[in-house]
All heavy atoms as atom14 arrays in JSON, in Angstrom:
{
  "sequence": "MVRGLRIWMGNNASEVVKRAVIVVDKRTEVWGGSGDSSANTSYY",
  "atom14_mask": [
    [1, 1, 1, 1, 1, 1, 1, 1, 0, 0, 0, 0, 0, 0],
    [1, 1, 1, 1, 1, 1, 1, 0, 0, 0, 0, 0, 0, 0],
    [1, 1, 1, 1, 1, 1, 1, 1, 1, 1, 1, 0, 0, 0],
    [1, 1, 1, 1, 0, 0, 0, 0, 0, 0, 0, 0, 0, 0],
    [1, 1, 1, 1, 1, 1, 1, 1, 0, 0, 0, 0, 0, 0],
    [1, 1, 1, 1, 1, 1, 1, 1, 1, 1, 1, 0, 0, 0],
    [1, 1, 1, 1, 1, 1, 1, 1, 0, 0, 0, 0, 0, 0],
    [1, 1, 1, 1, 1, 1, 1, 1, 1, 1, 1, 1, 1, 1],
    [1, 1, 1, 1, 1, 1, 1, 1, 0, 0, 0, 0, 0, 0],
    [1, 1, 1, 1, 0, 0, 0, 0, 0, 0, 0, 0, 0, 0],
    [1, 1, 1, 1, 1, 1, 1, 1, 0, 0, 0, 0, 0, 0],
    [1, 1, 1, 1, 1, 1, 1, 1, 0, 0, 0, 0, 0, 0],
    [1, 1, 1, 1, 1, 0, 0, 0, 0, 0, 0, 0, 0, 0],
    [1, 1, 1, 1, 1, 1, 0, 0, 0, 0, 0, 0, 0, 0],
    [1, 1, 1, 1, 1, 1, 1, 1, 1, 0, 0, 0, 0, 0],
    [1, 1, 1, 1, 1, 1, 1, 0, 0, 0, 0, 0, 0, 0],
    [1, 1, 1, 1, 1, 1, 1, 0, 0, 0, 0, 0, 0, 0],
    [1, 1, 1, 1, 1, 1, 1, 1, 1, 0, 0, 0, 0, 0],
    [1, 1, 1, 1, 1, 1, 1, 1, 1, 1, 1, 0, 0, 0],
    [1, 1, 1, 1, 1, 0, 0, 0, 0, 0, 0, 0, 0, 0],
    [1, 1, 1, 1, 1, 1, 1, 0, 0, 0, 0, 0, 0, 0],
    [1, 1, 1, 1, 1, 1, 1, 1, 0, 0, 0, 0, 0, 0],
    [1, 1, 1, 1, 1, 1, 1, 0, 0, 0, 0, 0, 0, 0],
    [1, 1, 1, 1, 1, 1, 1, 0, 0, 0, 0, 0, 0, 0],
    [1, 1, 1, 1, 1, 1, 1, 1, 0, 0, 0, 0, 0, 0],
    [1, 1, 1, 1, 1, 1, 1, 1, 1, 0, 0, 0, 0, 0],
    [1, 1, 1, 1, 1, 1, 1, 1, 1, 1, 1, 0, 0, 0],
    [1, 1, 1, 1, 1, 1, 1, 0, 0, 0, 0, 0, 0, 0],
    [1, 1, 1, 1, 1, 1, 1, 1, 1, 0, 0, 0, 0, 0],
    [1, 1, 1, 1, 1, 1, 1, 0, 0, 0, 0, 0, 0, 0],
    [1, 1, 1, 1, 1, 1, 1, 1, 1, 1, 1, 1, 1, 1],
    [1, 1, 1, 1, 0, 0, 0, 0, 0, 0, 0, 0, 0, 0],
    [1, 1, 1, 1, 0, 0, 0, 0, 0, 0, 0, 0, 0, 0],
    [1, 1, 1, 1, 1, 1, 0, 0, 0, 0, 0, 0, 0, 0],
    [1, 1, 1, 1, 0, 0, 0, 0, 0, 0, 0, 0, 0, 0],
    [1, 1, 1, 1, 1, 1, 1, 1, 0, 0, 0, 0, 0, 0],
    [1, 1, 1, 1, 1, 1, 0, 0, 0, 0, 0, 0, 0, 0],
    [1, 1, 1, 1, 1, 1, 0, 0, 0, 0, 0, 0, 0, 0],
    [1, 1, 1, 1, 1, 0, 0, 0, 0, 0, 0, 0, 0, 0],
    [1, 1, 1, 1, 1, 1, 1, 1, 0, 0, 0, 0, 0, 0],
    [1, 1, 1, 1, 1, 1, 1, 0, 0, 0, 0, 0, 0, 0],
    [1, 1, 1, 1, 1, 1, 0, 0, 0, 0, 0, 0, 0, 0],
    [1, 1, 1, 1, 1, 1, 1, 1, 1, 1, 1, 1, 0, 0],
    [1, 1, 1, 1, 1, 1, 1, 1, 1, 1, 1, 1, 0, 0]
  ],
  "atom14_positions": [
    [[0.83, -1.2, 0.0], [0.0, 0.0, 0.0], [0.87, 1.26, 0.0], [0.61, 2.2, -0.76], [-0.95, 0.0, 1.2], [-2.07, -1.0, 1.08], [-3.12, -1.14, 2.54], [-3.41, 0.53, 2.98], [0.0, 0.0, 0.0], [0.0, 0.0, 0.0], [0.0, 0.0, 0.0], [0.0, 0.0, 0.0], [0.0, 0.0, 0.0], [0.0, 0.0, 0.0]],
    [[1.9, 1.3, 0.82], [2.77, 2.46, 0.9], [3.53, 2.64, -0.41], [3.65, 3.76, -0.92], [3.74, 2.34, 2.1], [4.83, 3.39, 2.04], [2.97, 2.45, 3.4], [0.0, 0.0, 0.0], [0.0, 0.0, 0.0], [0.0, 0.0, 0.0], [0.0, 0.0, 0.0], [0.0, 0.0, 0.0], [0.0, 0.0, 0.0], [0.0, 0.0, 0.0]],
    [[4.01, 1.56, -0.99], [4.75, 1.63, -2.26], [3.84, 2.17, -3.37], [4.24, 3.05, -4.14], [5.28, 0.25, -2.63], [6.08, 0.25, -3.9], [6.7, -1.14, -4.13], [7.46, -1.15, -5.35], [7.02, -1.66, -6.49], [5.83, -2.22, -6.55], [7.77, -1.63, -7.57], [0.0, 0.0, 0.0], [0.0, 0.0, 0.0], [0.0, 0.0, 0.0]],
    [[2.63, 1.65, -3.48], [1.7, 2.12, -4.49], [1.34, 3.59, -4.3], [1.25, 4.35, -5.27], [0.0, 0.0, 0.0], [0.0, 0.0, 0.0], [0.0, 0.0, 0.0], [0.0, 0.0, 0.0], [0.0, 0.0, 0.0], [0.0, 0.0, 0.0], [0.0, 0.0, 0.0], [0.0, 0.0, 0.0], [0.0, 0.0, 0.0], [0.0, 0.0, 0.0]],
    [[1.17, 3.99, -3.06], [0.85, 5.39, -2.76], [2.02, 6.31, -3.12], [1.81, 7.39, -3.67], [0.48, 5.55, -1.29], [0.0, 6.92, -0.84], [-1.28, 7.3, -1.59], [-0.24, 6.93, 0.66], [0.0, 0.0, 0.0], [0.0, 0.0, 0.0], [0.0, 0.0, 0.0], [0.0, 0.0, 0.0], [0.0, 0.0, 0.0], [0.0, 0.0, 0.0]],
    [[3.25, 5.87, -2.85], [4.43, 6.68, -3.19], [4.57, 6.83, -4.7], [4.89, 7.91, -5.19], [5.69, 6.06, -2.61], [5.77, 6.2, -1.09], [7.09, 5.72, -0.56], [8.12, 6.65, -1.0], [9.39, 6.33, -1.11], [9.79, 5.12, -0.83], [10.27, 7.22, -1.49], [0.0, 0.0, 0.0], [0.0, 0.0, 0.0], [0.0, 0.0, 0.0]],
    [[4.34, 5.76, -5.46], [4.42, 5.84, -6.92], [3.34, 6.78, -7.45], [3.6, 7.64, -8.3], [4.3, 4.44, -7.56], [5.54, 3.61, -7.24], [4.08, 4.53, -9.06], [5.44, 2.15, -7.63], [0.0, 0.0, 0.0], [0.0, 0.0, 0.0], [0.0, 0.0, 0.0], [0.0, 0.0, 0.0], [0.0, 0.0, 0.0], [0.0, 0.0, 0.0]],
    [[2.13, 6.64, -6.95], [1.01, 7.48, -7.38], [1.3, 8.95, -7.07], [1.1, 9.82, -7.93], [-0.27, 7.02, -6.7], [-1.49, 7.79, -7.06], [-2.21, 7.69, -8.21], [-2.13, 8.79, -6.27], [-3.26, 8.56, -8.17], [-3.24, 9.25, -6.99], [-1.87, 9.32, -5.01], [-4.07, 10.23, -6.49], [-2.71, 10.29, -4.53], [-3.81, 10.73, -5.27]],
    [[1.77, 9.24, -5.86], [2.08, 10.62, -5.49], [3.26, 11.16, -6.3], [3.26, 12.33, -6.69], [2.38, 10.71, -3.99], [1.15, 10.52, -3.13], [1.49, 10.45, -1.35], [2.29, 12.0, -1.08], [0.0, 0.0, 0.0], [0.0, 0.0, 0.0], [0.0, 0.0, 0.0], [0.0, 0.0, 0.0], [0.0, 0.0, 0.0], [0.0, 0.0, 0.0]],
    [[4.27, 10.33, -6.55], [5.41, 10.75, -7.36], [5.0, 11.09, -8.79], [5.47, 12.08, -9.36], [0.0, 0.0, 0.0], [0.0, 0.0, 0.0], [0.0, 0.0, 0.0], [0.0, 0.0, 0.0], [0.0, 0.0, 0.0], [0.0, 0.0, 0.0], [0.0, 0.0, 0.0], [0.0, 0.0, 0.0], [0.0, 0.0, 0.0], [0.0, 0.0, 0.0]],
    [[4.12, 10.28, -9.37], [3.62, 10.58, -10.72], [2.83, 11.88, -10.73], [2.96, 12.69, -11.65], [2.76, 9.43, -11.25], [3.59, 8.26, -11.71], [4.76, 8.39, -12.03], [2.98, 7.1, -11.73], [0.0, 0.0, 0.0], [0.0, 0.0, 0.0], [0.0, 0.0, 0.0], [0.0, 0.0, 0.0], [0.0, 0.0, 0.0], [0.0, 0.0, 0.0]],
    [[1.98, 12.09, -9.73], [1.19, 13.32, -9.66], [2.07, 14.54, -9.49], [1.74, 15.62, -9.98], [0.16, 13.24, -8.54], [-0.98, 12.32, -8.87], [-1.2, 11.97, -10.02], [-1.71, 11.91, -7.86], [0.0, 0.0, 0.0], [0.0, 0.0, 0.0], [0.0, 0.0, 0.0], [0.0, 0.0, 0.0], [0.0, 0.0, 0.0], [0.0, 0.0, 0.0]],
    [[3.2, 14.41, -8.79], [4.09, 15.54, -8.56], [4.99, 15.82, -9.76], [5.56, 16.9, -9.87], [4.95, 15.29, -7.32], [0.0, 0.0, 0.0], [0.0, 0.0, 0.0], [0.0, 0.0, 0.0], [0.0, 0.0, 0.0], [0.0, 0.0, 0.0], [0.0, 0.0, 0.0], [0.0, 0.0, 0.0], [0.0, 0.0, 0.0], [0.0, 0.0, 0.0]],
    [[5.12, 14.85, -10.67], [5.97, 15.03, -11.84], [5.29, 15.93, -12.86], [4.06, 15.99, -12.94], [6.26, 13.68, -12.5], [6.97, 12.84, -11.64], [0.0, 0.0, 0.0], [0.0, 0.0, 0.0], [0.0, 0.0, 0.0], [0.0, 0.0, 0.0], [0.0, 0.0, 0.0], [0.0, 0.0, 0.0], [0.0, 0.0, 0.0], [0.0, 0.0, 0.0]],
    [[6.11, 16.59, -13.65], [5.56, 17.44, -14.7], [5.12, 16.57, -15.88], [5.64, 15.48, -16.1], [6.58, 18.46, -15.16], [7.81, 17.86, -15.83], [8.79, 18.91, -16.3], [8.57, 19.48, -17.37], [9.75, 19.14, -15.55], [0.0, 0.0, 0.0], [0.0, 0.0, 0.0], [0.0, 0.0, 0.0], [0.0, 0.0, 0.0], [0.0, 0.0, 0.0]],
    [[4.14, 17.06, -16.64], [3.7, 16.38, -17.86], [4.71, 16.72, -18.95], [4.98, 17.89, -19.21], [2.28, 16.82, -18.25], [1.87, 16.18, -19.56], [1.3, 16.47, -17.14], [0.0, 0.0, 0.0], [0.0, 0.0, 0.0], [0.0, 0.0, 0.0], [0.0, 0.0, 0.0], [0.0, 0.0, 0.0], [0.0, 0.0, 0.0], [0.0, 0.0, 0.0]],
    [[5.3, 15.68, -19.56], [6.36, 15.85, -20.53], [5.87, 15.41, -21.91], [5.23, 14.37, -22.04], [7.6, 15.02, -20.14], [8.71, 15.15, -21.16], [8.09, 15.4, -18.75], [0.0, 0.0, 0.0], [0.0, 0.0, 0.0], [0.0, 0.0, 0.0], [0.0, 0.0, 0.0], [0.0, 0.0, 0.0], [0.0, 0.0, 0.0], [0.0, 0.0, 0.0]],
    [[6.17, 16.22, -22.93], [5.89, 15.87, -24.32], [7.23, 15.78, -25.05], [8.03, 16.71, -24.99], [5.0, 16.92, -24.99], [3.59, 16.93, -24.45], [2.73, 17.89, -25.24], [1.31, 17.83, -24.68], [0.37, 18.54, -25.55], [0.0, 0.0, 0.0], [0.0, 0.0, 0.0], [0.0, 0.0, 0.0], [0.0, 0.0, 0.0], [0.0, 0.0, 0.0]],
    [[7.47, 14.63, -25.71], [8.74, 14.4, -26.39], [8.49, 13.76, -27.75], [7.56, 12.98, -27.92], [9.62, 13.44, -25.58], [9.93, 13.84, -24.15], [10.92, 14.96, -24.03], [12.18, 14.7, -24.66], [13.24, 14.21, -24.05], [13.2, 13.89, -22.79], [14.36, 14.02, -24.73], [0.0, 0.0, 0.0], [0.0, 0.0, 0.0], [0.0, 0.0, 0.0]],
    [[9.38, 14.07, -28.7], [9.39, 13.37, -29.98], [10.07, 12.02, -29.75], [11.17, 11.96, -29.18], [10.14, 14.18, -31.01], [0.0, 0.0, 0.0], [0.0, 0.0, 0.0], [0.0, 0.0, 0.0], [0.0, 0.0, 0.0], [0.0, 0.0, 0.0], [0.0, 0.0, 0.0], [0.0, 0.0, 0.0], [0.0, 0.0, 0.0], [0.0, 0.0, 0.0]],
    [[9.42, 10.94, -30.17], [9.92, 9.6, -29.89], [9.71, 8.68, -31.08], [8.97, 8.99, -32.02], [9.22, 8.98, -28.65], [9.5, 9.77, -27.39], [7.74, 8.83, -28.88], [0.0, 0.0, 0.0], [0.0, 0.0, 0.0], [0.0, 0.0, 0.0], [0.0, 0.0, 0.0], [0.0, 0.0, 0.0], [0.0, 0.0, 0.0], [0.0, 0.0, 0.0]],
    [[10.36, 7.52, -30.98], [10.14, 6.4, -31.9], [9.8, 5.19, -31.05], [10.44, 4.94, -30.02], [11.41, 6.1, -32.72], [11.8, 7.31, -33.57], [11.21, 4.88, -33.6], [13.12, 7.15, -34.28], [0.0, 0.0, 0.0], [0.0, 0.0, 0.0], [0.0, 0.0, 0.0], [0.0, 0.0, 0.0], [0.0, 0.0, 0.0], [0.0, 0.0, 0.0]],
    [[8.79, 4.42, -31.45], [8.46, 3.17, -30.75], [9.51, 2.14, -31.17], [9.64, 1.82, -32.35], [7.04, 2.68, -31.13], [6.76, 1.34, -30.49], [6.0, 3.71, -30.74], [0.0, 0.0, 0.0], [0.0, 0.0, 0.0], [0.0, 0.0, 0.0], [0.0, 0.0, 0.0], [0.0, 0.0, 0.0], [0.0, 0.0, 0.0], [0.0, 0.0, 0.0]],
    [[10.28, 1.64, -30.19], [11.37, 0.7, -30.51], [11.08, -0.73, -30.05], [11.72, -1.66, -30.53], [12.73, 1.17, -29.93], [13.19, 2.43, -30.64], [12.66, 1.38, -28.44], [0.0, 0.0, 0.0], [0.0, 0.0, 0.0], [0.0, 0.0, 0.0], [0.0, 0.0, 0.0], [0.0, 0.0, 0.0], [0.0, 0.0, 0.0], [0.0, 0.0, 0.0]],
    [[10.12, -0.92, -29.15], [9.82, -2.28, -28.69], [8.47, -2.31, -28.01], [8.0, -1.3, -27.47], [10.9, -2.77, -27.73], [10.87, -4.28, -27.52], [10.28, -4.98, -28.37], [11.42, -4.76, -26.52], [0.0, 0.0, 0.0], [0.0, 0.0, 0.0], [0.0, 0.0, 0.0], [0.0, 0.0, 0.0], [0.0, 0.0, 0.0], [0.0, 0.0, 0.0]],
    [[7.85, -3.46, -28.06], [6.59, -3.72, -27.35], [6.71, -5.08, -26.69], [7.33, -5.98, -27.24], [5.42, -3.74, -28.34], [5.14, -2.43, -29.02], [4.14, -2.57, -30.16], [2.83, -3.16, -29.71], [1.82, -3.18, -30.78], [0.0, 0.0, 0.0], [0.0, 0.0, 0.0], [0.0, 0.0, 0.0], [0.0, 0.0, 0.0], [0.0, 0.0, 0.0]],
    [[6.12, -5.2, -25.51], [6.13, -6.51, -24.85], [4.88, -6.67, -23.99], [4.24, -5.69, -23.63], [7.38, -6.73, -24.01], [7.44, -5.93, -22.74], [8.71, -6.25, -21.94], [8.79, -5.43, -20.75], [8.34, -5.8, -19.55], [7.78, -6.99, -19.38], [8.46, -4.99, -18.52], [0.0, 0.0, 0.0], [0.0, 0.0, 0.0], [0.0, 0.0, 0.0]],
    [[4.56, -7.91, -23.69], [3.45, -8.22, -22.8], [3.96, -9.07, -21.66], [4.98, -9.76, -21.78], [2.33, -8.98, -23.53], [2.86, -10.19, -24.06], [1.72, -8.15, -24.63], [0.0, 0.0, 0.0], [0.0, 0.0, 0.0], [0.0, 0.0, 0.0], [0.0, 0.0, 0.0], [0.0, 0.0, 0.0], [0.0, 0.0, 0.0], [0.0, 0.0, 0.0]],
    [[3.26, -9.01, -20.56], [3.58, -9.85, -19.4], [2.27, -10.49, -18.95], [1.33, -9.8, -18.58], [4.17, -9.01, -18.28], [4.52, -9.79, -17.05], [5.1, -8.92, -15.95], [5.12, -7.69, -16.1], [5.5, -9.49, -14.93], [0.0, 0.0, 0.0], [0.0, 0.0, 0.0], [0.0, 0.0, 0.0], [0.0, 0.0, 0.0], [0.0, 0.0, 0.0]],
    [[2.21, -11.81, -19.04], [1.02, -12.55, -18.64], [1.27, -13.14, -17.26], [2.3, -13.76, -17.02], [0.68, -13.67, -19.66], [-0.56, -14.43, -19.23], [0.51, -13.07, -21.04], [0.0, 0.0, 0.0], [0.0, 0.0, 0.0], [0.0, 0.0, 0.0], [0.0, 0.0, 0.0], [0.0, 0.0, 0.0], [0.0, 0.0, 0.0], [0.0, 0.0, 0.0]],
    [[0.32, -12.96, -16.35], [0.48, -13.48, -14.99], [-0.86, -14.01, -14.5], [-1.91, -13.62, -14.98], [1.04, -12.42, -14.04], [0.39, -11.08, -14.13], [0.59, -10.11, -15.06], [-0.61, -10.57, -13.24], [-0.19, -9.02, -14.81], [-0.94, -9.27, -13.7], [-1.24, -11.06, -12.12], [-1.88, -8.48, -13.06], [-2.18, -10.27, -11.48], [-2.48, -8.99, -11.95]],
    [[-0.78, -14.96, -13.57], [-1.99, -15.61, -13.05], [-2.43, -16.71, -14.0], [-1.68, -17.2, -14.83], [0.0, 0.0, 0.0], [0.0, 0.0, 0.0], [0.0, 0.0, 0.0], [0.0, 0.0, 0.0], [0.0, 0.0, 0.0], [0.0, 0.0, 0.0], [0.0, 0.0, 0.0], [0.0, 0.0, 0.0], [0.0, 0.0, 0.0], [0.0, 0.0, 0.0]],
    [[-3.67, -17.12, -13.85], [-4.26, -18.07, -14.78], [-4.1, -19.53, -14.42], [-4.35, -20.39, -15.25], [0.0, 0.0, 0.0], [0.0, 0.0, 0.0], [0.0, 0.0, 0.0], [0.0, 0.0, 0.0], [0.0, 0.0, 0.0], [0.0, 0.0, 0.0], [0.0, 0.0, 0.0], [0.0, 0.0, 0.0], [0.0, 0.0, 0.0], [0.0, 0.0, 0.0]],
    [[-3.7, -19.85, -13.21], [-3.6, -21.25, -12.84], [-4.93, -21.74, -12.27], [-5.67, -20.99, -11.65], [-2.48, -21.46, -11.83], [-2.78, -20.77, -10.63], [0.0, 0.0, 0.0], [0.0, 0.0, 0.0], [0.0, 0.0, 0.0], [0.0, 0.0, 0.0], [0.0, 0.0, 0.0], [0.0, 0.0, 0.0], [0.0, 0.0, 0.0], [0.0, 0.0, 0.0]],
    [[-5.22, -22.98, -12.53], [-6.47, -23.54, -12.02], [-7.68, -22.88, -12.65], [-7.78, -22.77, -13.87], [0.0, 0.0, 0.0], [0.0, 0.0, 0.0], [0.0, 0.0, 0.0], [0.0, 0.0, 0.0], [0.0, 0.0, 0.0], [0.0, 0.0, 0.0], [0.0, 0.0, 0.0], [0.0, 0.0, 0.0], [0.0, 0.0, 0.0], [0.0, 0.0, 0.0]],
    [[-8.61, -22.43, -11.82], [-9.83, -21.82, -12.32], [-9.74, -20.3, -12.42], [-10.71, -19.64, -12.79], [-11.01, -22.16, -11.4], [-11.38, -23.64, -11.49], [-11.08, -24.24, -12.54], [-11.96, -24.17, -10.53], [0.0, 0.0, 0.0], [0.0, 0.0, 0.0], [0.0, 0.0, 0.0], [0.0, 0.0, 0.0], [0.0, 0.0, 0.0], [0.0, 0.0, 0.0]],
    [[-8.6, -19.71, -12.1], [-8.49, -18.25, -12.16], [-8.1, -17.8, -13.57], [-7.45, -18.52, -14.31], [-7.46, -17.74, -11.14], [-6.18, -18.18, -11.49], [0.0, 0.0, 0.0], [0.0, 0.0, 0.0], [0.0, 0.0, 0.0], [0.0, 0.0, 0.0], [0.0, 0.0, 0.0], [0.0, 0.0, 0.0], [0.0, 0.0, 0.0], [0.0, 0.0, 0.0]],
    [[-8.52, -16.6, -13.92], [-8.23, -16.1, -15.26], [-6.84, -15.46, -15.29], [-6.33, -15.0, -14.27], [-9.28, -15.07, -15.67], [-9.27, -13.98, -14.79], [0.0, 0.0, 0.0], [0.0, 0.0, 0.0], [0.0, 0.0, 0.0], [0.0, 0.0, 0.0], [0.0, 0.0, 0.0], [0.0, 0.0, 0.0], [0.0, 0.0, 0.0], [0.0, 0.0, 0.0]],
    [[-6.26, -15.42, -16.47], [-4.94, -14.81, -16.65], [-5.11, -13.31, -16.85], [-6.13, -12.83, -17.34], [-4.24, -15.43, -17.85], [0.0, 0.0, 0.0], [0.0, 0.0, 0.0], [0.0, 0.0, 0.0], [0.0, 0.0, 0.0], [0.0, 0.0, 0.0], [0.0, 0.0, 0.0], [0.0, 0.0, 0.0], [0.0, 0.0, 0.0], [0.0, 0.0, 0.0]],
    [[-4.09, -12.56, -16.47], [-4.06, -11.11, -16.67], [-2.86, -10.78, -17.54], [-1.81, -11.42, -17.45], [-3.92, -10.39, -15.33], [-5.1, -10.64, -14.43], [-6.21, -10.25, -14.73], [-4.86, -11.34, -13.32], [0.0, 0.0, 0.0], [0.0, 0.0, 0.0], [0.0, 0.0, 0.0], [0.0, 0.0, 0.0], [0.0, 0.0, 0.0], [0.0, 0.0, 0.0]],
    [[-3.01, -9.78, -18.37], [-1.93, -9.37, -19.26], [-1.61, -7.9, -19.04], [-2.52, -7.07, -19.01], [-2.31, -9.59, -20.74], [-2.69, -10.96, -20.91], [-1.15, -9.27, -21.66], [0.0, 0.0, 0.0], [0.0, 0.0, 0.0], [0.0, 0.0, 0.0], [0.0, 0.0, 0.0], [0.0, 0.0, 0.0], [0.0, 0.0, 0.0], [0.0, 0.0, 0.0]],
    [[-0.33, -7.6, -18.85], [0.14, -6.22, -18.76], [0.86, -5.91, -20.06], [1.58, -6.75, -20.62], [1.1, -6.06, -17.58], [0.44, -6.36, -16.37], [0.0, 0.0, 0.0], [0.0, 0.0, 0.0], [0.0, 0.0, 0.0], [0.0, 0.0, 0.0], [0.0, 0.0, 0.0], [0.0, 0.0, 0.0], [0.0, 0.0, 0.0], [0.0, 0.0, 0.0]],
    [[0.69, -4.68, -20.55], [1.26, -4.26, -21.83], [2.27, -3.14, -21.6], [2.0, -2.21, -20.85], [0.15, -3.77, -22.76], [-0.88, -4.82, -23.06], [-2.02, -4.95, -22.27], [-0.71, -5.69, -24.12], [-2.96, -5.93, -22.54], [-1.66, -6.68, -24.4], [-2.78, -6.78, -23.6], [-3.7, -7.75, -23.87], [0.0, 0.0, 0.0], [0.0, 0.0, 0.0]],
    [[3.41, -3.23, -22.28], [4.48, -2.24, -22.13], [5.0, -1.84, -23.51], [5.11, -2.68, -24.41], [5.65, -2.81, -21.32], [5.25, -3.24, -19.93], [4.85, -4.54, -19.67], [5.27, -2.33, -18.87], [4.47, -4.93, -18.39], [4.9, -2.72, -17.6], [4.5, -4.02, -17.37], [4.13, -4.4, -16.11], [0.0, 0.0, 0.0], [0.0, 0.0, 0.0]]
  ]
}
């Protein structure tokens, strides 16, 4: 809980940045899904 709150507060305190970029990679992370539970996918 403290870690999540610190990340959330740190993001809110950061400035909004706009940059010219190129997409160089994409990846997914699948977690969970054993037994009767559903899998979750995170996208990066």
